[in-house]
N, C-alpha and C. Protein backbone atom coordinates (compact mmCIF):
# COMPACT_ATOMS: atom_id res chain seq x y z
N MET A 1 1.95 -10.01 -3.81
CA MET A 1 1.23 -9.31 -2.97
C MET A 1 0.26 -8.14 -3.62
N ASP A 2 -0.76 -7.86 -2.74
CA ASP A 2 -1.73 -7.05 -3.36
C ASP A 2 -1.99 -5.81 -2.51
N VAL A 3 -1.87 -4.67 -2.84
CA VAL A 3 -2.05 -3.51 -2.20
C VAL A 3 -3.48 -2.88 -2.90
N LYS A 4 -4.17 -2.22 -2.37
CA LYS A 4 -5.28 -1.60 -2.77
C LYS A 4 -5.25 -0.16 -1.82
N ILE A 5 -5.49 0.76 -2.52
CA ILE A 5 -5.36 2.25 -1.90
C ILE A 5 -6.98 2.93 -2.37
N CYS A 6 -7.25 3.50 -1.29
CA CYS A 6 -8.48 4.06 -1.28
C CYS A 6 -8.43 5.29 -2.15
N THR A 7 -9.10 6.01 -3.17
CA THR A 7 -9.04 7.48 -3.70
C THR A 7 -10.23 7.90 -3.47
N GLY A 8 -11.11 7.78 -2.36
CA GLY A 8 -11.91 8.59 -1.97
C GLY A 8 -11.63 10.04 -2.11
N ALA A 9 -12.46 10.79 -2.08
CA ALA A 9 -12.22 12.17 -1.79
C ALA A 9 -11.29 12.53 -0.36
N LYS A 10 -11.59 12.05 0.54
CA LYS A 10 -11.04 12.40 2.11
C LYS A 10 -9.68 11.49 1.84
N CYS A 11 -9.72 10.63 1.35
CA CYS A 11 -8.22 9.78 1.43
C CYS A 11 -7.17 10.54 0.41
N THR A 12 -7.69 10.76 -0.60
CA THR A 12 -7.18 11.79 -1.66
C THR A 12 -6.41 12.92 -1.10
N LEU A 13 -7.21 13.54 -0.33
CA LEU A 13 -7.13 15.02 0.56
C LEU A 13 -5.79 14.81 1.52
N TYR A 14 -5.83 13.21 2.11
CA TYR A 14 -4.94 13.35 3.26
C TYR A 14 -3.74 12.17 2.82
N GLY A 15 -3.70 12.09 1.41
CA GLY A 15 -2.16 11.83 1.00
C GLY A 15 -2.37 10.83 0.17
N ALA A 16 -3.41 10.11 -0.10
CA ALA A 16 -3.24 9.00 -1.36
C ALA A 16 -2.55 8.93 -2.59
N SER A 17 -2.58 10.19 -2.98
CA SER A 17 -1.82 10.41 -4.32
C SER A 17 -0.42 10.06 -4.29
N GLY A 18 0.20 10.72 -3.04
CA GLY A 18 1.48 10.23 -2.70
C GLY A 18 1.92 9.04 -2.16
N ILE A 19 1.08 8.45 -1.72
CA ILE A 19 1.24 6.97 -1.41
C ILE A 19 1.34 6.25 -2.88
N ILE A 20 0.37 6.40 -3.63
CA ILE A 20 0.26 5.59 -4.90
C ILE A 20 1.77 5.81 -5.69
N GLU A 21 2.02 7.15 -5.74
CA GLU A 21 3.19 7.40 -6.47
C GLU A 21 4.69 6.70 -5.84
N GLN A 22 4.69 6.61 -4.60
CA GLN A 22 5.74 5.87 -3.82
C GLN A 22 5.55 4.38 -4.06
N LEU A 23 4.62 3.94 -4.28
CA LEU A 23 4.42 2.40 -4.24
C LEU A 23 4.34 1.88 -5.96
N GLU A 24 4.12 2.89 -6.72
CA GLU A 24 4.40 2.74 -7.79
C GLU A 24 6.08 2.83 -8.30
N GLU A 25 6.67 3.23 -7.60
CA GLU A 25 8.08 3.53 -7.57
C GLU A 25 8.87 2.38 -7.30
N LEU A 26 8.04 1.76 -6.22
CA LEU A 26 8.76 0.52 -5.12
C LEU A 26 8.44 -0.68 -6.26
N GLN A 27 7.06 -0.65 -6.87
CA GLN A 27 6.72 -1.81 -7.80
C GLN A 27 7.72 -2.13 -9.07
N GLU A 28 8.59 -0.63 -9.41
CA GLU A 28 9.16 -0.60 -10.67
C GLU A 28 10.46 -0.95 -10.11
N ASN A 29 11.02 -0.78 -8.94
CA ASN A 29 12.57 -1.05 -8.76
C ASN A 29 12.25 -2.41 -7.37
N LEU A 30 11.29 -3.05 -7.50
CA LEU A 30 11.16 -3.76 -6.54
C LEU A 30 12.19 -5.02 -6.11
N HIS A 31 13.13 -5.49 -7.44
CA HIS A 31 13.78 -6.62 -7.25
C HIS A 31 15.32 -5.89 -7.01
N GLU A 32 15.29 -4.81 -6.86
CA GLU A 32 16.62 -4.06 -6.73
C GLU A 32 16.99 -4.13 -4.91
N TYR A 33 15.80 -4.31 -4.18
CA TYR A 33 15.84 -4.44 -2.70
C TYR A 33 16.48 -6.04 -2.40
N PRO A 34 17.19 -6.04 -1.56
CA PRO A 34 17.75 -7.50 -0.85
C PRO A 34 16.92 -7.94 -0.39
N GLY A 35 16.89 -9.21 -0.63
CA GLY A 35 16.13 -10.28 0.24
C GLY A 35 14.39 -10.45 -0.52
N ILE A 36 14.37 -9.67 -1.58
CA ILE A 36 13.08 -9.78 -2.37
C ILE A 36 13.33 -10.92 -3.53
N PRO A 37 12.34 -11.91 -3.39
CA PRO A 37 12.70 -12.81 -4.36
C PRO A 37 12.24 -12.50 -5.74
N ALA A 38 13.05 -13.02 -6.85
CA ALA A 38 13.03 -12.73 -8.27
C ALA A 38 11.58 -12.67 -8.60
N ASP A 39 10.87 -13.68 -8.28
CA ASP A 39 9.38 -13.88 -8.90
C ASP A 39 8.45 -13.07 -8.04
N ALA A 40 8.62 -12.56 -7.02
CA ALA A 40 7.94 -11.62 -6.46
C ALA A 40 7.04 -10.24 -7.13
N VAL A 41 5.86 -10.42 -6.90
CA VAL A 41 4.84 -9.32 -7.67
C VAL A 41 4.25 -8.24 -7.03
N LEU A 42 4.29 -7.48 -7.14
CA LEU A 42 3.49 -5.87 -6.19
C LEU A 42 2.55 -5.74 -7.05
N ASN A 43 1.26 -5.91 -6.69
CA ASN A 43 0.01 -5.49 -7.30
C ASN A 43 -0.37 -4.38 -6.92
N ILE A 44 -0.65 -3.17 -7.35
CA ILE A 44 -1.29 -2.21 -6.66
C ILE A 44 -2.56 -1.98 -7.45
N GLU A 45 -3.79 -1.76 -6.73
CA GLU A 45 -4.95 -1.60 -7.19
C GLU A 45 -5.63 -0.43 -6.51
N ILE A 46 -6.56 0.72 -7.23
CA ILE A 46 -7.31 1.78 -6.92
C ILE A 46 -8.50 1.39 -6.40
N ILE A 47 -9.01 1.72 -5.44
CA ILE A 47 -10.24 1.45 -5.04
C ILE A 47 -11.06 2.45 -4.80
N ARG A 48 -12.21 2.31 -4.99
CA ARG A 48 -13.45 3.49 -4.37
C ARG A 48 -13.68 3.16 -2.76
N CYS A 49 -14.07 4.49 -2.61
CA CYS A 49 -14.41 4.55 -1.06
C CYS A 49 -15.05 3.24 -0.22
N ASP A 50 -14.88 2.85 0.57
CA ASP A 50 -15.64 1.87 1.27
C ASP A 50 -16.31 2.38 2.34
N ARG A 51 -16.09 3.76 2.64
CA ARG A 51 -17.06 4.56 3.52
C ARG A 51 -16.55 4.62 4.86
N ARG A 52 -15.45 3.64 5.09
CA ARG A 52 -14.85 3.40 6.52
C ARG A 52 -14.43 4.73 7.17
N CYS A 53 -13.89 5.80 5.99
CA CYS A 53 -13.28 7.13 6.66
C CYS A 53 -14.35 7.94 6.72
N LYS A 54 -15.74 7.61 6.23
CA LYS A 54 -16.76 8.74 6.76
C LYS A 54 -17.50 8.13 8.21
N GLU A 55 -17.28 7.22 8.84
CA GLU A 55 -17.40 7.04 10.09
C GLU A 55 -16.63 7.01 11.10
N LYS A 56 -15.05 7.09 10.94
CA LYS A 56 -13.90 7.66 11.67
C LYS A 56 -12.65 8.18 10.79
N LYS A 57 -11.83 9.06 11.82
CA LYS A 57 -10.87 9.46 10.98
C LYS A 57 -9.60 8.36 10.40
N VAL A 58 -9.81 7.94 9.36
CA VAL A 58 -8.62 6.79 8.87
C VAL A 58 -8.18 7.22 7.90
N SER A 59 -8.16 8.39 7.48
CA SER A 59 -7.57 8.55 5.81
C SER A 59 -6.20 8.93 6.06
N PRO A 60 -5.42 8.46 5.06
CA PRO A 60 -5.74 7.54 3.76
C PRO A 60 -6.01 6.04 4.33
N LEU A 61 -6.71 5.02 3.77
CA LEU A 61 -7.00 3.87 3.88
C LEU A 61 -6.22 3.15 2.83
N VAL A 62 -5.08 2.10 3.27
CA VAL A 62 -4.70 1.47 2.34
C VAL A 62 -4.74 0.02 3.03
N PHE A 63 -4.99 -0.81 1.99
CA PHE A 63 -4.88 -2.65 2.42
C PHE A 63 -3.84 -3.24 1.96
N VAL A 64 -3.06 -3.90 2.80
CA VAL A 64 -2.17 -4.85 2.14
C VAL A 64 -2.26 -6.07 2.49
N ASP A 65 -2.72 -6.88 1.41
CA ASP A 65 -2.87 -8.35 1.48
C ASP A 65 -4.06 -8.19 2.47
N ASP A 66 -5.32 -7.43 2.23
CA ASP A 66 -6.31 -7.24 3.13
C ASP A 66 -6.27 -6.88 4.43
N VAL A 67 -4.80 -6.48 4.79
CA VAL A 67 -4.61 -6.30 6.21
C VAL A 67 -4.83 -4.22 6.17
N ALA A 68 -5.67 -4.07 7.02
CA ALA A 68 -6.06 -2.51 6.62
C ALA A 68 -5.06 -1.45 7.46
N PHE A 69 -4.57 -0.48 6.73
CA PHE A 69 -3.69 0.38 7.34
C PHE A 69 -4.48 1.89 7.49
N GLU A 70 -4.98 2.08 8.64
CA GLU A 70 -5.75 3.37 8.68
C GLU A 70 -4.25 4.62 9.09
N ASN A 71 -4.62 5.67 8.27
CA ASN A 71 -4.06 6.96 8.40
C ASN A 71 -2.56 6.40 7.81
N ALA A 72 -2.81 5.68 6.75
CA ALA A 72 -1.46 5.17 6.40
C ALA A 72 -0.42 6.37 5.87
N LYS A 73 0.84 5.90 6.13
CA LYS A 73 2.27 6.55 5.82
C LYS A 73 3.05 5.57 5.03
N VAL A 74 3.70 6.19 4.40
CA VAL A 74 4.65 5.63 3.30
C VAL A 74 5.67 4.79 3.87
N PRO A 75 6.18 4.90 4.96
CA PRO A 75 7.07 4.17 5.77
C PRO A 75 6.73 2.97 6.14
N GLU A 76 5.68 2.88 6.99
CA GLU A 76 4.85 1.68 7.36
C GLU A 76 4.52 0.77 6.31
N LEU A 77 4.20 1.65 5.37
CA LEU A 77 3.44 0.61 4.26
C LEU A 77 4.46 -0.17 3.54
N MET A 78 5.79 0.43 3.15
CA MET A 78 6.94 0.16 2.72
C MET A 78 7.57 -0.88 3.60
N GLU A 79 7.67 -1.01 4.69
CA GLU A 79 8.04 -1.97 5.60
C GLU A 79 7.24 -2.93 5.79
N ALA A 80 5.76 -3.00 5.75
CA ALA A 80 5.03 -4.03 5.66
C ALA A 80 5.07 -4.61 4.33
N ILE A 81 5.00 -4.15 3.42
CA ILE A 81 5.41 -4.51 2.00
C ILE A 81 6.49 -5.52 1.55
N LEU A 82 7.58 -4.95 2.00
CA LEU A 82 8.94 -5.49 1.96
C LEU A 82 9.34 -6.68 2.90
N ASN A 83 8.69 -6.48 4.13
CA ASN A 83 8.51 -7.75 5.29
C ASN A 83 7.85 -8.66 4.40
N GLY A 84 6.85 -8.45 3.83
CA GLY A 84 5.90 -9.54 3.65
C GLY A 84 6.47 -10.20 2.23
N LEU A 85 7.01 -9.49 1.34
CA LEU A 85 7.58 -10.28 0.22
C LEU A 85 8.79 -10.90 0.63
N GLU A 86 9.45 -10.69 1.53
CA GLU A 86 10.63 -11.22 1.95
C GLU A 86 10.17 -12.66 2.83
N LYS A 87 9.28 -12.88 3.60
CA LYS A 87 8.67 -13.79 4.22
C LYS A 87 7.82 -14.82 2.92
N GLU A 88 7.37 -14.41 1.96
CA GLU A 88 7.14 -15.02 0.94
C GLU A 88 7.88 -16.21 0.35
N LYS A 89 9.04 -15.65 0.16
CA LYS A 89 10.17 -16.59 0.13
C LYS A 89 10.43 -17.60 0.94
N ALA A 90 10.17 -17.54 2.11
CA ALA A 90 10.41 -18.42 2.97
C ALA A 90 9.70 -19.56 2.95
């Protein structure tokens, strides 16, 4: 699974750094979660601003397998990631 986190100024101001920290911790402990396959991989990529936040209030912006999460919060991202990894196993 691929997660891309915008680190433009506005996204960073609105919490991208905290999201990165939490997702890196998830990445390190991924296989401790029940239902996550042993071969599951979580790739985290830091991306430049795609200017979407300049047009409307969406910061921070995170993509989980190319699905955009606007005004992203850690709990919703964790849920989407863990559910997605569990489904990959099926």
